N, C-alpha and C. Protein backbone atom coordinates (compact mmCIF):
# COMPACT_ATOMS: atom_id res chain seq x y z
N UNK A 1 24.99 -26.16 85.48
CA UNK A 1 25.22 -27.57 85.72
C UNK A 1 24.36 -28.43 84.80
N UNK A 2 23.10 -28.00 84.61
CA UNK A 2 22.21 -28.74 83.74
C UNK A 2 22.75 -28.78 82.32
N UNK A 3 23.33 -27.66 81.89
CA UNK A 3 23.85 -27.59 80.53
C UNK A 3 24.99 -28.59 80.34
N UNK A 4 25.84 -28.75 81.34
CA UNK A 4 26.97 -29.68 81.25
C UNK A 4 26.45 -31.12 81.14
N UNK A 5 25.45 -31.45 81.94
CA UNK A 5 24.87 -32.79 81.92
C UNK A 5 24.22 -33.07 80.56
N UNK A 6 23.46 -32.12 80.06
CA UNK A 6 22.80 -32.28 78.77
C UNK A 6 23.83 -32.39 77.65
N UNK A 7 24.84 -31.56 77.69
CA UNK A 7 25.89 -31.60 76.68
C UNK A 7 26.62 -32.94 76.71
N UNK A 8 26.93 -33.44 77.90
CA UNK A 8 27.59 -34.74 78.04
C UNK A 8 26.71 -35.85 77.48
N UNK A 9 25.42 -35.81 77.77
CA UNK A 9 24.49 -36.80 77.24
C UNK A 9 24.44 -36.76 75.72
N UNK A 10 24.38 -35.56 75.15
CA UNK A 10 24.34 -35.43 73.70
C UNK A 10 25.61 -35.97 73.04
N UNK A 11 26.76 -35.67 73.63
CA UNK A 11 28.03 -36.16 73.09
C UNK A 11 28.06 -37.69 73.16
N UNK A 12 27.63 -38.26 74.26
CA UNK A 12 27.62 -39.72 74.41
C UNK A 12 26.68 -40.36 73.38
N UNK A 13 25.51 -39.76 73.16
CA UNK A 13 24.57 -40.29 72.18
C UNK A 13 25.16 -40.19 70.77
N UNK A 14 25.78 -39.07 70.45
CA UNK A 14 26.39 -38.89 69.13
C UNK A 14 27.50 -39.92 68.90
N UNK A 15 28.33 -40.16 69.90
CA UNK A 15 29.41 -41.14 69.79
C UNK A 15 28.83 -42.53 69.55
N UNK A 16 27.75 -42.86 70.21
CA UNK A 16 27.11 -44.16 70.02
C UNK A 16 26.54 -44.32 68.62
N UNK A 17 25.94 -43.27 68.09
CA UNK A 17 25.39 -43.30 66.74
C UNK A 17 26.51 -43.45 65.72
N UNK A 18 27.59 -42.71 65.88
CA UNK A 18 28.72 -42.79 64.96
C UNK A 18 29.31 -44.19 64.99
N UNK A 19 29.51 -44.76 66.18
CA UNK A 19 30.06 -46.11 66.32
C UNK A 19 29.14 -47.14 65.67
N UNK A 20 27.84 -47.01 65.86
CA UNK A 20 26.89 -47.94 65.25
C UNK A 20 26.92 -47.84 63.73
N UNK A 21 27.08 -46.62 63.21
CA UNK A 21 27.16 -46.43 61.77
C UNK A 21 28.40 -47.09 61.20
N UNK A 22 29.53 -46.95 61.86
CA UNK A 22 30.76 -47.56 61.40
C UNK A 22 30.62 -49.08 61.39
N UNK A 23 30.11 -49.66 62.47
CA UNK A 23 29.94 -51.11 62.54
C UNK A 23 28.97 -51.60 61.48
N UNK A 24 27.90 -50.86 61.24
CA UNK A 24 26.92 -51.24 60.24
C UNK A 24 27.55 -51.27 58.86
N UNK A 25 28.36 -50.27 58.53
CA UNK A 25 28.96 -50.23 57.21
C UNK A 25 30.00 -51.33 57.05
N UNK A 26 30.66 -51.74 58.13
CA UNK A 26 31.65 -52.81 58.06
C UNK A 26 31.02 -54.16 57.76
N UNK A 27 29.75 -54.33 58.08
CA UNK A 27 29.07 -55.61 57.83
C UNK A 27 29.10 -55.96 56.35
N UNK A 28 29.11 -54.96 55.50
CA UNK A 28 29.12 -55.19 54.05
C UNK A 28 30.43 -55.85 53.59
N UNK A 29 31.53 -55.53 54.24
CA UNK A 29 32.83 -56.03 53.81
C UNK A 29 33.27 -57.28 54.57
N UNK A 30 32.78 -57.47 55.79
CA UNK A 30 33.20 -58.59 56.62
C UNK A 30 32.76 -59.92 56.00
N UNK A 31 33.68 -60.85 55.97
CA UNK A 31 33.40 -62.18 55.42
C UNK A 31 34.53 -62.66 54.53
N UNK A 32 34.26 -63.72 53.80
CA UNK A 32 35.25 -64.28 52.89
C UNK A 32 34.95 -63.85 51.47
N UNK A 33 35.97 -63.38 50.78
CA UNK A 33 35.87 -62.95 49.40
C UNK A 33 36.82 -63.79 48.56
N UNK A 34 36.30 -64.49 47.56
CA UNK A 34 37.12 -65.26 46.64
C UNK A 34 37.63 -64.30 45.56
N UNK A 35 38.95 -64.18 45.46
CA UNK A 35 39.51 -63.21 44.53
C UNK A 35 40.24 -63.88 43.36
N UNK A 36 40.37 -63.11 42.29
CA UNK A 36 41.17 -63.50 41.13
C UNK A 36 41.97 -62.28 40.68
N UNK A 37 43.25 -62.51 40.46
CA UNK A 37 44.15 -61.49 39.93
C UNK A 37 44.97 -62.17 38.83
N UNK A 38 44.40 -62.29 37.62
CA UNK A 38 45.01 -63.08 36.56
C UNK A 38 46.44 -62.66 36.20
N UNK A 39 46.80 -61.41 36.40
CA UNK A 39 48.14 -60.95 36.04
C UNK A 39 49.18 -61.22 37.13
N UNK A 40 48.73 -61.73 38.27
CA UNK A 40 49.65 -62.00 39.39
C UNK A 40 50.51 -63.23 39.07
N UNK A 41 51.67 -63.33 39.71
CA UNK A 41 52.53 -64.50 39.50
C UNK A 41 51.82 -65.79 39.92
N UNK A 42 52.27 -66.91 39.36
CA UNK A 42 51.70 -68.21 39.65
C UNK A 42 51.68 -68.45 41.17
N UNK A 43 50.56 -68.92 41.66
CA UNK A 43 50.39 -69.19 43.08
C UNK A 43 49.70 -68.07 43.83
N UNK A 44 49.74 -66.88 43.26
CA UNK A 44 49.12 -65.71 43.90
C UNK A 44 47.88 -65.23 43.15
N UNK A 45 47.57 -65.86 42.02
CA UNK A 45 46.50 -65.35 41.17
C UNK A 45 45.09 -65.66 41.66
N UNK A 46 44.93 -66.59 42.59
CA UNK A 46 43.61 -66.92 43.15
C UNK A 46 43.75 -67.18 44.64
N UNK A 47 42.66 -66.91 45.35
CA UNK A 47 42.65 -67.18 46.78
C UNK A 47 41.46 -66.53 47.44
N UNK A 48 41.58 -66.28 48.73
CA UNK A 48 40.49 -65.67 49.50
C UNK A 48 41.01 -64.52 50.35
N UNK A 49 40.21 -63.48 50.42
CA UNK A 49 40.42 -62.39 51.36
C UNK A 49 39.44 -62.66 52.50
N UNK A 50 39.95 -62.83 53.69
CA UNK A 50 39.09 -63.11 54.84
C UNK A 50 39.15 -61.89 55.75
N UNK A 51 38.03 -61.19 55.83
CA UNK A 51 37.96 -59.92 56.55
C UNK A 51 37.03 -60.06 57.74
N UNK A 52 37.50 -59.59 58.89
CA UNK A 52 36.68 -59.63 60.10
C UNK A 52 36.86 -58.33 60.86
N UNK A 53 36.08 -58.21 61.91
CA UNK A 53 36.14 -57.01 62.75
C UNK A 53 36.58 -57.44 64.14
N UNK A 54 37.61 -56.77 64.65
CA UNK A 54 38.14 -57.09 65.97
C UNK A 54 38.28 -55.80 66.76
N UNK A 55 37.58 -55.73 67.88
CA UNK A 55 37.61 -54.55 68.74
C UNK A 55 37.26 -53.28 67.96
N UNK A 56 36.28 -53.38 67.06
CA UNK A 56 35.81 -52.23 66.30
C UNK A 56 36.66 -51.87 65.09
N UNK A 57 37.72 -52.62 64.84
CA UNK A 57 38.58 -52.33 63.69
C UNK A 57 38.58 -53.52 62.73
N UNK A 58 38.76 -53.21 61.46
CA UNK A 58 38.82 -54.27 60.46
C UNK A 58 40.20 -54.91 60.46
N UNK A 59 40.23 -56.22 60.36
CA UNK A 59 41.46 -57.00 60.25
C UNK A 59 41.21 -58.07 59.19
N UNK A 60 42.28 -58.71 58.76
CA UNK A 60 42.07 -59.76 57.78
C UNK A 60 43.33 -60.46 57.37
N UNK A 61 43.14 -61.40 56.47
CA UNK A 61 44.26 -62.15 55.92
C UNK A 61 43.90 -62.58 54.51
N UNK A 62 44.94 -62.84 53.73
CA UNK A 62 44.74 -63.42 52.41
C UNK A 62 45.20 -64.86 52.51
N UNK A 63 44.38 -65.74 51.96
CA UNK A 63 44.71 -67.17 51.96
C UNK A 63 44.81 -67.62 50.51
N UNK A 64 46.01 -68.03 50.13
CA UNK A 64 46.23 -68.48 48.76
C UNK A 64 45.73 -69.90 48.60
N UNK A 65 45.59 -70.35 47.36
CA UNK A 65 45.01 -71.66 47.10
C UNK A 65 45.81 -72.81 47.72
N UNK A 66 47.12 -72.62 47.92
CA UNK A 66 47.93 -73.69 48.53
C UNK A 66 47.82 -73.70 50.06
N UNK A 67 47.01 -72.77 50.63
CA UNK A 67 46.79 -72.73 52.07
C UNK A 67 47.67 -71.73 52.80
N UNK A 68 48.66 -71.15 52.12
CA UNK A 68 49.54 -70.15 52.73
C UNK A 68 48.75 -68.89 53.05
N UNK A 69 48.97 -68.30 54.23
CA UNK A 69 48.22 -67.12 54.68
C UNK A 69 49.17 -65.96 54.96
N UNK A 70 48.69 -64.75 54.67
CA UNK A 70 49.43 -63.52 54.98
C UNK A 70 48.46 -62.54 55.62
N UNK A 71 48.88 -61.91 56.70
CA UNK A 71 48.07 -60.93 57.41
C UNK A 71 47.95 -59.65 56.59
N UNK A 72 46.73 -59.10 56.56
CA UNK A 72 46.50 -57.82 55.90
C UNK A 72 46.85 -56.68 56.84
N UNK A 73 47.36 -55.60 56.29
CA UNK A 73 47.73 -54.41 57.06
C UNK A 73 46.83 -53.25 56.65
N UNK A 74 46.60 -52.33 57.56
CA UNK A 74 45.87 -51.09 57.28
C UNK A 74 44.56 -51.35 56.53
N UNK A 75 43.73 -52.22 57.07
CA UNK A 75 42.46 -52.58 56.44
C UNK A 75 41.42 -51.49 56.71
N UNK A 76 40.86 -50.92 55.64
CA UNK A 76 39.81 -49.90 55.79
C UNK A 76 38.69 -50.16 54.79
N UNK A 77 37.53 -49.65 55.15
CA UNK A 77 36.37 -49.71 54.26
C UNK A 77 35.59 -48.42 54.47
N UNK A 78 35.74 -47.48 53.53
CA UNK A 78 35.11 -46.17 53.65
C UNK A 78 34.43 -45.83 52.33
N UNK A 79 33.18 -45.43 52.41
CA UNK A 79 32.41 -45.02 51.24
C UNK A 79 32.43 -46.08 50.13
N UNK A 80 32.32 -47.35 50.52
CA UNK A 80 32.27 -48.43 49.55
C UNK A 80 33.60 -48.82 48.94
N UNK A 81 34.70 -48.25 49.46
CA UNK A 81 36.03 -48.56 48.93
C UNK A 81 36.83 -49.33 49.98
N UNK A 82 37.27 -50.52 49.59
CA UNK A 82 38.08 -51.38 50.45
C UNK A 82 39.55 -51.13 50.14
N UNK A 83 40.36 -50.94 51.19
CA UNK A 83 41.79 -50.75 51.02
C UNK A 83 42.53 -51.59 52.05
N UNK A 84 43.68 -52.11 51.64
CA UNK A 84 44.54 -52.84 52.56
C UNK A 84 45.92 -52.97 51.94
N UNK A 85 46.83 -53.49 52.70
CA UNK A 85 48.17 -53.76 52.21
C UNK A 85 48.65 -55.07 52.79
N UNK A 86 49.71 -55.62 52.22
CA UNK A 86 50.31 -56.84 52.74
C UNK A 86 51.72 -56.98 52.18
N UNK A 87 52.51 -57.77 52.87
CA UNK A 87 53.87 -58.04 52.42
C UNK A 87 53.89 -59.39 51.73
N UNK A 88 54.26 -59.38 50.43
CA UNK A 88 54.37 -60.60 49.65
C UNK A 88 55.83 -60.72 49.21
N UNK A 89 56.47 -61.77 49.64
CA UNK A 89 57.89 -61.97 49.32
C UNK A 89 58.71 -60.72 49.66
N UNK A 90 58.49 -60.18 50.84
CA UNK A 90 59.21 -59.02 51.39
C UNK A 90 58.93 -57.71 50.65
N UNK A 91 57.96 -57.69 49.77
CA UNK A 91 57.57 -56.49 49.04
C UNK A 91 56.19 -56.06 49.52
N UNK A 92 56.00 -54.74 49.75
CA UNK A 92 54.69 -54.24 50.17
C UNK A 92 53.80 -54.08 48.95
N UNK A 93 52.60 -54.63 49.04
CA UNK A 93 51.61 -54.60 47.98
C UNK A 93 50.35 -53.96 48.56
N UNK A 94 49.74 -53.02 47.83
CA UNK A 94 48.50 -52.41 48.32
C UNK A 94 47.34 -52.77 47.41
N UNK A 95 46.16 -52.85 48.00
CA UNK A 95 44.94 -53.21 47.29
C UNK A 95 43.93 -52.10 47.49
N UNK A 96 43.27 -51.72 46.41
CA UNK A 96 42.17 -50.74 46.48
C UNK A 96 41.09 -51.24 45.56
N UNK A 97 39.87 -51.44 46.11
CA UNK A 97 38.78 -51.98 45.30
C UNK A 97 37.45 -51.37 45.72
N UNK A 98 36.60 -51.17 44.75
CA UNK A 98 35.26 -50.67 44.97
C UNK A 98 34.33 -51.85 45.19
N UNK A 99 33.55 -51.81 46.26
CA UNK A 99 32.61 -52.89 46.57
C UNK A 99 31.23 -52.49 46.07
N UNK A 100 30.63 -53.39 45.31
CA UNK A 100 29.29 -53.17 44.78
C UNK A 100 28.48 -54.42 45.10
N UNK A 101 27.77 -54.39 46.23
CA UNK A 101 27.00 -55.55 46.67
C UNK A 101 27.93 -56.68 47.07
N UNK A 102 27.86 -57.80 46.37
CA UNK A 102 28.68 -58.96 46.68
C UNK A 102 29.84 -59.10 45.71
N UNK A 103 30.19 -58.02 45.03
CA UNK A 103 31.31 -58.03 44.10
C UNK A 103 32.27 -56.89 44.42
N UNK A 104 33.53 -57.13 44.14
CA UNK A 104 34.59 -56.16 44.39
C UNK A 104 35.45 -56.10 43.13
N UNK A 105 35.82 -54.89 42.73
CA UNK A 105 36.65 -54.73 41.54
C UNK A 105 37.62 -53.59 41.79
N UNK A 106 38.91 -53.85 41.52
CA UNK A 106 39.89 -52.82 41.76
C UNK A 106 41.26 -53.19 41.22
N UNK A 107 42.29 -52.74 41.95
CA UNK A 107 43.66 -52.95 41.49
C UNK A 107 44.58 -53.26 42.65
N UNK A 108 45.60 -54.02 42.32
CA UNK A 108 46.68 -54.33 43.26
C UNK A 108 47.90 -53.54 42.77
N UNK A 109 48.47 -52.74 43.64
CA UNK A 109 49.63 -51.94 43.27
C UNK A 109 50.87 -52.63 43.81
N UNK A 110 51.75 -53.09 42.91
CA UNK A 110 52.94 -53.83 43.28
C UNK A 110 54.19 -53.08 42.80
N UNK A 111 55.36 -53.46 43.27
CA UNK A 111 56.59 -52.84 42.75
C UNK A 111 56.75 -53.05 41.24
N UNK A 112 56.15 -54.10 40.69
CA UNK A 112 56.23 -54.37 39.25
C UNK A 112 55.15 -53.64 38.45
N UNK A 113 54.24 -52.97 39.14
CA UNK A 113 53.16 -52.25 38.47
C UNK A 113 51.80 -52.64 39.01
N UNK A 114 50.79 -52.05 38.41
CA UNK A 114 49.41 -52.27 38.84
C UNK A 114 48.79 -53.43 38.07
N UNK A 115 47.99 -54.23 38.78
CA UNK A 115 47.28 -55.32 38.12
C UNK A 115 45.84 -55.39 38.65
N UNK A 116 44.89 -55.76 37.78
CA UNK A 116 43.49 -55.81 38.18
C UNK A 116 43.20 -56.96 39.14
N UNK A 117 42.19 -56.73 39.99
CA UNK A 117 41.70 -57.77 40.90
C UNK A 117 40.18 -57.69 40.96
N UNK A 118 39.56 -58.86 40.99
CA UNK A 118 38.12 -58.95 41.20
C UNK A 118 37.87 -59.95 42.32
N UNK A 119 36.75 -59.78 42.99
CA UNK A 119 36.42 -60.73 44.07
C UNK A 119 34.91 -60.83 44.20
N UNK A 120 34.47 -61.99 44.65
CA UNK A 120 33.05 -62.22 44.92
C UNK A 120 32.92 -62.76 46.33
N UNK A 121 31.91 -62.27 47.02
CA UNK A 121 31.70 -62.70 48.41
C UNK A 121 31.25 -64.15 48.42
N UNK A 122 31.93 -64.95 49.24
CA UNK A 122 31.57 -66.37 49.38
C UNK A 122 30.31 -66.49 50.21
N UNK A 123 29.58 -67.57 50.01
CA UNK A 123 28.33 -67.77 50.74
C UNK A 123 28.56 -68.31 52.11
């Protein structure tokens, strides 16, 4: 009986440590990121990625300069790599970028091909 209690305690402690580690790593990505994608069509080349954490999961939206917003899908941040997707004009677009401090650099994969994206964390 003692072994079961000790094992249960250890599992609970391990789960708490893992959850705290995940939340801690998400702090690096959470916030507003001003992005530029110079090769994107007019109106989509600048804006903000707004990333937050809801119920332990990352969520977000992209806000274009004209104020139009689109919800981000499948938002992840693992080993310093940010990934997400979104529907732009009924086409699925995916984003993959490496985060280095307050800067992000990567690519947007669209049906028309890949284009570079950079972002800086807003203050």
